[in-house]
Amino acid sequence: MFAIALSVAGCSGGEPNTMPDVVGKRLDIALSDVERAGFDDEVEVLGGGAFGVLDESNWTVCSQEPESGAEIAGVPRISVDRTCDTDDSMNPQATQKDEDTDEEQAATAPAKPKKKKRKPAAPVADTFVMPALVGMNLQEAQNALQDRGSFLLTET
């Protein structure tokens, strides 16, 4: 009887769940990693644009709470974006390291030529060449299509 009580008491203790490092990973993989770490409840996802997160594989984790290796005490928070621009302005060591790296690269790298905007190709009466729109925001994509002679018709 005493052995059964000890084994039942031992089951409830368990090790605390620790937050895995998910920064820089795709959101679908990050959520899977958090679940494998033992957190089965809903994870709070911040960001995702105007329409929210529709396809988890299209988003990259930019920051996380709690930090990697910390105990998951409450609901984990993950902030996402299409691409994460790291802002280490709060971390003086990282800022100094970035400045040193930038100076070294500037000294050794040749000057990059500035990109010129391409003029739209002259439209041919019977053909339409679809421009590459992947990665553009809606306005950029509409502008690219209109530059090629394509117009959006709407009901009035």
N, C-alpha and C. Protein backbone atom coordinates (compact mmCIF):
# COMPACT_ATOMS: atom_id res chain seq x y z
N MET A 1 0.83 -1.18 0.00
CA MET A 1 0.00 0.00 0.00
C MET A 1 0.88 1.26 0.00
N PHE A 2 1.93 1.27 0.79
CA PHE A 2 2.84 2.40 0.87
C PHE A 2 3.56 2.62 -0.46
N ALA A 3 3.93 1.53 -1.15
CA ALA A 3 4.62 1.62 -2.44
C ALA A 3 3.72 2.23 -3.50
N ILE A 4 2.43 1.90 -3.47
CA ILE A 4 1.48 2.47 -4.44
C ILE A 4 1.34 3.97 -4.21
N ALA A 5 1.27 4.41 -2.98
CA ALA A 5 1.14 5.82 -2.66
C ALA A 5 2.36 6.60 -3.15
N LEU A 6 3.56 6.02 -2.99
CA LEU A 6 4.76 6.69 -3.46
C LEU A 6 4.80 6.79 -4.98
N SER A 7 4.37 5.73 -5.67
CA SER A 7 4.41 5.77 -7.13
C SER A 7 3.41 6.76 -7.69
N VAL A 8 2.24 6.88 -7.06
CA VAL A 8 1.24 7.86 -7.51
C VAL A 8 1.74 9.27 -7.23
N ALA A 9 2.36 9.49 -6.09
CA ALA A 9 2.88 10.82 -5.74
C ALA A 9 4.00 11.21 -6.69
N GLY A 10 4.80 10.25 -7.12
CA GLY A 10 5.91 10.54 -8.04
C GLY A 10 5.43 10.94 -9.42
N CYS A 11 4.27 10.47 -9.85
CA CYS A 11 3.76 10.78 -11.19
C CYS A 11 3.32 12.23 -11.32
N SER A 12 2.85 12.81 -10.23
CA SER A 12 2.31 14.17 -10.33
C SER A 12 3.39 15.23 -10.34
N GLY A 13 4.60 14.91 -9.84
CA GLY A 13 5.66 15.91 -9.75
C GLY A 13 6.18 16.31 -11.11
N GLY A 14 6.78 15.39 -11.83
CA GLY A 14 7.27 15.63 -13.19
C GLY A 14 8.21 16.82 -13.28
N GLU A 15 9.03 16.81 -14.32
CA GLU A 15 9.93 17.93 -14.55
C GLU A 15 9.16 19.08 -15.18
N PRO A 16 9.56 20.31 -14.88
CA PRO A 16 8.88 21.45 -15.51
C PRO A 16 9.21 21.49 -17.01
N ASN A 17 8.27 21.97 -17.80
CA ASN A 17 8.49 22.09 -19.24
C ASN A 17 9.37 23.30 -19.50
N THR A 18 10.40 23.13 -20.32
CA THR A 18 11.28 24.24 -20.66
C THR A 18 11.03 24.66 -22.11
N MET A 19 11.11 25.94 -22.34
CA MET A 19 10.84 26.51 -23.66
C MET A 19 12.01 26.24 -24.60
N PRO A 20 11.73 25.64 -25.76
CA PRO A 20 12.80 25.42 -26.73
C PRO A 20 13.15 26.72 -27.46
N ASP A 21 14.29 26.74 -28.13
CA ASP A 21 14.68 27.91 -28.92
C ASP A 21 13.98 27.82 -30.27
N VAL A 22 13.03 28.73 -30.52
CA VAL A 22 12.26 28.69 -31.76
C VAL A 22 12.46 29.94 -32.61
N VAL A 23 13.28 30.89 -32.16
CA VAL A 23 13.51 32.12 -32.93
C VAL A 23 14.23 31.77 -34.23
N GLY A 24 13.70 32.30 -35.33
CA GLY A 24 14.28 32.04 -36.64
C GLY A 24 13.67 30.85 -37.36
N LYS A 25 12.84 30.09 -36.66
CA LYS A 25 12.20 28.93 -37.28
C LYS A 25 10.86 29.31 -37.89
N ARG A 26 10.39 28.48 -38.83
CA ARG A 26 9.04 28.67 -39.36
C ARG A 26 8.05 28.43 -38.24
N LEU A 27 6.91 29.11 -38.29
CA LEU A 27 5.92 29.04 -37.21
C LEU A 27 5.42 27.62 -37.01
N ASP A 28 5.14 26.87 -38.08
CA ASP A 28 4.62 25.52 -37.92
C ASP A 28 5.62 24.63 -37.18
N ILE A 29 6.89 24.79 -37.47
CA ILE A 29 7.93 24.00 -36.80
C ILE A 29 8.06 24.45 -35.35
N ALA A 30 7.99 25.76 -35.11
CA ALA A 30 8.11 26.30 -33.74
C ALA A 30 6.98 25.78 -32.86
N LEU A 31 5.76 25.79 -33.37
CA LEU A 31 4.62 25.29 -32.58
C LEU A 31 4.78 23.81 -32.28
N SER A 32 5.29 23.06 -33.24
CA SER A 32 5.55 21.63 -33.03
C SER A 32 6.62 21.42 -31.96
N ASP A 33 7.67 22.25 -31.98
CA ASP A 33 8.74 22.15 -30.98
C ASP A 33 8.22 22.45 -29.58
N VAL A 34 7.36 23.46 -29.47
CA VAL A 34 6.79 23.81 -28.16
C VAL A 34 5.90 22.67 -27.66
N GLU A 35 5.15 22.06 -28.56
CA GLU A 35 4.30 20.93 -28.17
C GLU A 35 5.15 19.74 -27.72
N ARG A 36 6.24 19.46 -28.45
CA ARG A 36 7.14 18.36 -28.07
C ARG A 36 7.83 18.62 -26.74
N ALA A 37 7.97 19.90 -26.37
CA ALA A 37 8.59 20.26 -25.09
C ALA A 37 7.63 20.00 -23.93
N GLY A 38 6.39 19.61 -24.25
CA GLY A 38 5.45 19.24 -23.20
C GLY A 38 4.34 20.23 -22.96
N PHE A 39 4.27 21.30 -23.75
CA PHE A 39 3.20 22.28 -23.58
C PHE A 39 2.11 21.97 -24.60
N ASP A 40 0.96 21.48 -24.11
CA ASP A 40 -0.10 21.03 -25.00
C ASP A 40 -1.19 22.07 -25.23
N ASP A 41 -1.19 23.16 -24.46
CA ASP A 41 -2.24 24.17 -24.60
C ASP A 41 -1.94 25.11 -25.77
N GLU A 42 -2.82 26.07 -25.97
CA GLU A 42 -2.68 27.04 -27.05
C GLU A 42 -1.49 27.97 -26.80
N VAL A 43 -0.73 28.26 -27.86
CA VAL A 43 0.39 29.19 -27.81
C VAL A 43 -0.10 30.51 -28.39
N GLU A 44 0.22 31.63 -27.73
CA GLU A 44 -0.21 32.94 -28.22
C GLU A 44 0.74 33.39 -29.33
N VAL A 45 0.19 33.62 -30.52
CA VAL A 45 0.99 34.05 -31.67
C VAL A 45 0.66 35.50 -31.96
N LEU A 46 1.67 36.37 -31.88
CA LEU A 46 1.51 37.79 -32.15
C LEU A 46 2.02 38.11 -33.54
N GLY A 47 1.33 38.97 -34.26
CA GLY A 47 1.72 39.33 -35.62
C GLY A 47 0.83 38.62 -36.62
N GLY A 48 1.32 38.43 -37.80
CA GLY A 48 0.55 37.71 -38.80
C GLY A 48 -0.16 38.61 -39.79
N GLY A 49 0.10 39.89 -39.76
CA GLY A 49 -0.48 40.79 -40.75
C GLY A 49 -1.94 41.10 -40.52
N ALA A 50 -2.55 41.73 -41.50
CA ALA A 50 -3.93 42.20 -41.38
C ALA A 50 -4.93 41.05 -41.27
N PHE A 51 -4.64 39.93 -41.91
CA PHE A 51 -5.58 38.82 -41.92
C PHE A 51 -5.20 37.72 -40.94
N GLY A 52 -4.16 37.94 -40.16
CA GLY A 52 -3.72 36.93 -39.21
C GLY A 52 -2.89 35.87 -39.91
N VAL A 53 -2.64 34.79 -39.21
CA VAL A 53 -1.84 33.70 -39.74
C VAL A 53 -2.77 32.72 -40.45
N LEU A 54 -2.68 32.66 -41.76
CA LEU A 54 -3.49 31.72 -42.52
C LEU A 54 -2.71 30.44 -42.79
N ASP A 55 -1.44 30.57 -43.12
CA ASP A 55 -0.59 29.42 -43.40
C ASP A 55 0.64 29.54 -42.51
N GLU A 56 0.73 28.67 -41.51
CA GLU A 56 1.81 28.77 -40.51
C GLU A 56 3.20 28.66 -41.12
N SER A 57 3.32 27.97 -42.25
CA SER A 57 4.65 27.79 -42.85
C SER A 57 5.15 29.05 -43.55
N ASN A 58 4.29 30.08 -43.68
CA ASN A 58 4.70 31.33 -44.33
C ASN A 58 5.26 32.35 -43.36
N TRP A 59 5.34 32.02 -42.07
CA TRP A 59 5.73 33.00 -41.06
C TRP A 59 6.97 32.53 -40.33
N THR A 60 7.84 33.48 -39.96
CA THR A 60 9.07 33.20 -39.24
C THR A 60 8.96 33.77 -37.83
N VAL A 61 9.43 33.00 -36.85
CA VAL A 61 9.40 33.45 -35.46
C VAL A 61 10.52 34.47 -35.25
N CYS A 62 10.13 35.66 -34.77
CA CYS A 62 11.10 36.74 -34.53
C CYS A 62 11.51 36.84 -33.07
N SER A 63 10.59 36.53 -32.15
CA SER A 63 10.92 36.55 -30.73
C SER A 63 10.01 35.59 -29.99
N GLN A 64 10.40 35.26 -28.78
CA GLN A 64 9.63 34.30 -27.98
C GLN A 64 9.68 34.68 -26.52
N GLU A 65 8.61 34.33 -25.80
CA GLU A 65 8.54 34.45 -24.34
C GLU A 65 7.93 33.16 -23.83
N PRO A 66 8.52 32.50 -22.90
CA PRO A 66 9.77 32.79 -22.21
C PRO A 66 10.97 32.51 -23.13
N GLU A 67 12.13 32.95 -22.69
CA GLU A 67 13.35 32.74 -23.44
C GLU A 67 13.68 31.26 -23.53
N SER A 68 14.55 30.91 -24.44
CA SER A 68 14.97 29.53 -24.63
C SER A 68 15.57 28.97 -23.33
N GLY A 69 15.12 27.80 -22.93
CA GLY A 69 15.63 27.14 -21.73
C GLY A 69 14.90 27.50 -20.46
N ALA A 70 14.06 28.53 -20.50
CA ALA A 70 13.31 28.94 -19.31
C ALA A 70 12.09 28.04 -19.13
N GLU A 71 11.62 27.96 -17.90
CA GLU A 71 10.45 27.15 -17.59
C GLU A 71 9.20 27.80 -18.18
N ILE A 72 8.33 26.97 -18.77
CA ILE A 72 7.06 27.47 -19.31
C ILE A 72 6.07 27.50 -18.17
N ALA A 73 5.85 28.69 -17.59
CA ALA A 73 4.95 28.83 -16.45
C ALA A 73 3.55 29.24 -16.90
N GLY A 74 3.46 30.13 -17.86
CA GLY A 74 2.17 30.60 -18.36
C GLY A 74 2.01 30.22 -19.82
N VAL A 75 1.26 31.02 -20.54
CA VAL A 75 1.06 30.78 -21.97
C VAL A 75 2.26 31.34 -22.74
N PRO A 76 2.95 30.49 -23.52
CA PRO A 76 4.08 31.00 -24.31
C PRO A 76 3.61 31.98 -25.37
N ARG A 77 4.42 33.00 -25.64
CA ARG A 77 4.12 33.98 -26.68
C ARG A 77 5.19 33.89 -27.76
N ILE A 78 4.74 33.89 -29.00
CA ILE A 78 5.65 33.86 -30.14
C ILE A 78 5.23 34.99 -31.06
N SER A 79 6.17 35.88 -31.42
CA SER A 79 5.85 36.92 -32.38
C SER A 79 6.44 36.53 -33.73
N VAL A 80 5.64 36.76 -34.79
CA VAL A 80 6.04 36.32 -36.12
C VAL A 80 5.98 37.47 -37.12
N ASP A 81 6.70 37.29 -38.21
CA ASP A 81 6.67 38.21 -39.34
C ASP A 81 7.11 37.41 -40.56
N ARG A 82 6.96 38.01 -41.74
CA ARG A 82 7.43 37.34 -42.96
C ARG A 82 8.94 37.17 -42.92
N THR A 83 9.63 38.24 -42.56
CA THR A 83 11.08 38.19 -42.36
C THR A 83 11.37 38.96 -41.09
N CYS A 84 12.30 38.49 -40.33
CA CYS A 84 12.61 39.13 -39.05
C CYS A 84 13.82 40.03 -39.23
N ASP A 85 13.61 41.32 -39.02
CA ASP A 85 14.72 42.27 -39.00
C ASP A 85 15.13 42.37 -37.55
N THR A 86 16.31 41.85 -37.23
CA THR A 86 16.75 41.86 -35.84
C THR A 86 17.16 43.26 -35.46
N ASP A 87 16.64 43.74 -34.35
CA ASP A 87 16.97 45.06 -33.82
C ASP A 87 17.68 44.85 -32.50
N ASP A 88 19.02 44.88 -32.54
CA ASP A 88 19.81 44.66 -31.34
C ASP A 88 20.22 45.97 -30.69
N SER A 89 19.44 47.04 -30.90
CA SER A 89 19.82 48.33 -30.34
C SER A 89 19.79 48.31 -28.82
N MET A 90 19.04 47.38 -28.23
CA MET A 90 18.99 47.28 -26.78
C MET A 90 20.17 46.49 -26.24
N ASN A 91 20.91 45.80 -27.10
CA ASN A 91 22.03 44.97 -26.69
C ASN A 91 23.32 45.63 -27.18
N PRO A 92 24.05 46.34 -26.31
CA PRO A 92 25.24 47.07 -26.75
C PRO A 92 26.32 46.17 -27.33
N GLN A 93 26.47 44.95 -26.81
CA GLN A 93 27.49 44.04 -27.33
C GLN A 93 27.17 43.66 -28.76
N ALA A 94 25.91 43.33 -29.03
CA ALA A 94 25.51 42.95 -30.38
C ALA A 94 25.65 44.13 -31.33
N THR A 95 25.32 45.33 -30.86
CA THR A 95 25.43 46.52 -31.70
C THR A 95 26.88 46.78 -32.06
N GLN A 96 27.79 46.67 -31.08
CA GLN A 96 29.21 46.88 -31.35
C GLN A 96 29.73 45.83 -32.31
N LYS A 97 29.31 44.58 -32.14
CA LYS A 97 29.75 43.49 -33.01
C LYS A 97 29.28 43.75 -34.44
N ASP A 98 28.03 44.19 -34.60
CA ASP A 98 27.49 44.49 -35.92
C ASP A 98 28.25 45.64 -36.57
N GLU A 99 28.59 46.68 -35.79
CA GLU A 99 29.32 47.82 -36.33
C GLU A 99 30.70 47.39 -36.79
N ASP A 100 31.39 46.54 -36.00
CA ASP A 100 32.70 46.05 -36.38
C ASP A 100 32.62 45.24 -37.67
N THR A 101 31.63 44.38 -37.76
CA THR A 101 31.45 43.54 -38.94
C THR A 101 31.16 44.40 -40.16
N ASP A 102 30.30 45.41 -40.01
CA ASP A 102 29.96 46.30 -41.11
C ASP A 102 31.19 47.05 -41.61
N GLU A 103 32.03 47.52 -40.66
CA GLU A 103 33.24 48.25 -41.05
C GLU A 103 34.20 47.33 -41.79
N GLU A 104 34.36 46.09 -41.33
CA GLU A 104 35.25 45.14 -42.00
C GLU A 104 34.75 44.84 -43.40
N GLN A 105 33.45 44.63 -43.55
CA GLN A 105 32.89 44.32 -44.85
C GLN A 105 33.03 45.51 -45.79
N ALA A 106 32.83 46.72 -45.28
CA ALA A 106 32.94 47.91 -46.11
C ALA A 106 34.37 48.09 -46.61
N ALA A 107 35.34 47.74 -45.78
CA ALA A 107 36.74 47.91 -46.16
C ALA A 107 37.17 46.87 -47.20
N THR A 108 36.63 45.66 -47.14
CA THR A 108 37.08 44.60 -48.03
C THR A 108 36.18 44.39 -49.24
N ALA A 109 34.93 44.78 -49.15
CA ALA A 109 33.98 44.51 -50.24
C ALA A 109 34.00 45.64 -51.26
N PRO A 110 33.89 45.29 -52.55
CA PRO A 110 33.79 46.34 -53.56
C PRO A 110 32.43 47.03 -53.46
N ALA A 111 32.37 48.25 -53.94
CA ALA A 111 31.12 49.00 -53.88
C ALA A 111 30.07 48.31 -54.74
N LYS A 112 28.88 48.22 -54.20
CA LYS A 112 27.79 47.58 -54.94
C LYS A 112 27.14 48.61 -55.86
N PRO A 113 26.88 48.22 -57.09
CA PRO A 113 26.19 49.16 -57.98
C PRO A 113 24.75 49.33 -57.53
N LYS A 114 24.24 50.54 -57.70
CA LYS A 114 22.85 50.79 -57.34
C LYS A 114 21.94 50.15 -58.37
N LYS A 115 20.84 49.59 -57.88
CA LYS A 115 19.89 48.97 -58.79
C LYS A 115 19.04 50.04 -59.45
N LYS A 116 18.86 49.90 -60.73
CA LYS A 116 18.01 50.82 -61.45
C LYS A 116 16.66 50.15 -61.67
N LYS A 117 15.62 50.96 -61.65
CA LYS A 117 14.30 50.42 -61.92
C LYS A 117 14.22 50.03 -63.39
N ARG A 118 13.66 48.85 -63.60
CA ARG A 118 13.50 48.40 -64.98
C ARG A 118 12.28 49.08 -65.58
N LYS A 119 12.42 49.43 -66.82
CA LYS A 119 11.27 49.97 -67.53
C LYS A 119 10.41 48.79 -67.95
N PRO A 120 9.10 48.96 -67.90
CA PRO A 120 8.24 47.86 -68.31
C PRO A 120 8.43 47.56 -69.79
N ALA A 121 8.32 46.29 -70.11
CA ALA A 121 8.47 45.86 -71.49
C ALA A 121 7.31 46.41 -72.31
N ALA A 122 7.58 46.68 -73.54
CA ALA A 122 6.52 47.18 -74.42
C ALA A 122 5.48 46.08 -74.58
N PRO A 123 4.21 46.41 -74.35
CA PRO A 123 3.18 45.38 -74.46
C PRO A 123 2.98 44.95 -75.91
N VAL A 124 2.80 43.67 -76.08
CA VAL A 124 2.49 43.10 -77.37
C VAL A 124 0.99 42.88 -77.40
N ALA A 125 0.38 43.13 -78.51
CA ALA A 125 -1.08 43.13 -78.60
C ALA A 125 -1.73 41.82 -78.14
N ASP A 126 -1.17 40.69 -78.50
CA ASP A 126 -1.85 39.42 -78.23
C ASP A 126 -1.26 38.63 -77.07
N THR A 127 -0.16 39.06 -76.50
CA THR A 127 0.45 38.29 -75.42
C THR A 127 0.62 39.13 -74.17
N PHE A 128 0.58 38.43 -73.07
CA PHE A 128 0.80 39.07 -71.78
C PHE A 128 1.81 38.22 -71.03
N VAL A 129 2.90 38.81 -70.62
CA VAL A 129 3.92 38.10 -69.86
C VAL A 129 3.70 38.44 -68.39
N MET A 130 3.42 37.41 -67.60
CA MET A 130 3.15 37.60 -66.18
C MET A 130 4.44 37.96 -65.47
N PRO A 131 4.49 39.10 -64.77
CA PRO A 131 5.70 39.46 -64.02
C PRO A 131 5.84 38.60 -62.77
N ALA A 132 7.03 38.54 -62.23
CA ALA A 132 7.28 37.81 -60.99
C ALA A 132 6.73 38.64 -59.84
N LEU A 133 5.70 38.13 -59.16
CA LEU A 133 5.03 38.88 -58.10
C LEU A 133 5.30 38.32 -56.71
N VAL A 134 5.97 37.19 -56.63
CA VAL A 134 6.20 36.54 -55.35
C VAL A 134 7.05 37.44 -54.46
N GLY A 135 6.59 37.64 -53.23
CA GLY A 135 7.30 38.45 -52.26
C GLY A 135 6.91 39.92 -52.26
N MET A 136 6.11 40.33 -53.24
CA MET A 136 5.67 41.73 -53.28
C MET A 136 4.44 41.91 -52.40
N ASN A 137 4.27 43.12 -51.88
CA ASN A 137 3.02 43.40 -51.20
C ASN A 137 1.96 43.69 -52.26
N LEU A 138 0.71 43.82 -51.84
CA LEU A 138 -0.39 43.96 -52.78
C LEU A 138 -0.21 45.16 -53.70
N GLN A 139 0.17 46.30 -53.15
CA GLN A 139 0.30 47.50 -53.98
C GLN A 139 1.40 47.34 -55.02
N GLU A 140 2.55 46.78 -54.61
CA GLU A 140 3.64 46.56 -55.56
C GLU A 140 3.21 45.63 -56.68
N ALA A 141 2.47 44.57 -56.34
CA ALA A 141 2.01 43.61 -57.34
C ALA A 141 1.03 44.27 -58.30
N GLN A 142 0.10 45.07 -57.78
CA GLN A 142 -0.85 45.77 -58.65
C GLN A 142 -0.12 46.74 -59.58
N ASN A 143 0.87 47.45 -59.06
CA ASN A 143 1.64 48.38 -59.89
C ASN A 143 2.37 47.63 -61.00
N ALA A 144 2.98 46.49 -60.66
CA ALA A 144 3.70 45.71 -61.66
C ALA A 144 2.75 45.22 -62.76
N LEU A 145 1.57 44.79 -62.37
CA LEU A 145 0.59 44.33 -63.36
C LEU A 145 0.10 45.49 -64.23
N GLN A 146 -0.16 46.62 -63.61
CA GLN A 146 -0.64 47.77 -64.38
C GLN A 146 0.44 48.31 -65.32
N ASP A 147 1.71 48.22 -64.91
CA ASP A 147 2.80 48.64 -65.78
C ASP A 147 2.86 47.78 -67.04
N ARG A 148 2.39 46.56 -66.94
CA ARG A 148 2.38 45.64 -68.09
C ARG A 148 1.09 45.72 -68.89
N GLY A 149 0.19 46.61 -68.50
CA GLY A 149 -1.04 46.77 -69.26
C GLY A 149 -2.21 45.98 -68.73
N SER A 150 -2.08 45.39 -67.56
CA SER A 150 -3.17 44.63 -66.97
C SER A 150 -3.91 45.54 -66.00
N PHE A 151 -5.22 45.50 -66.05
CA PHE A 151 -6.03 46.34 -65.17
C PHE A 151 -7.07 45.50 -64.48
N LEU A 152 -7.37 45.84 -63.26
CA LEU A 152 -8.36 45.14 -62.47
C LEU A 152 -9.72 45.75 -62.75
N LEU A 153 -10.67 44.91 -63.16
CA LEU A 153 -12.02 45.38 -63.40
C LEU A 153 -12.85 45.13 -62.16
N THR A 154 -13.58 46.14 -61.73
CA THR A 154 -14.43 45.99 -60.55
C THR A 154 -15.86 46.31 -60.93
N GLU A 155 -16.79 45.77 -60.16
CA GLU A 155 -18.19 46.06 -60.39
C GLU A 155 -18.50 47.46 -59.87
N THR A 156 -19.35 48.18 -60.59
CA THR A 156 -19.73 49.52 -60.14
C THR A 156 -21.21 49.60 -59.88
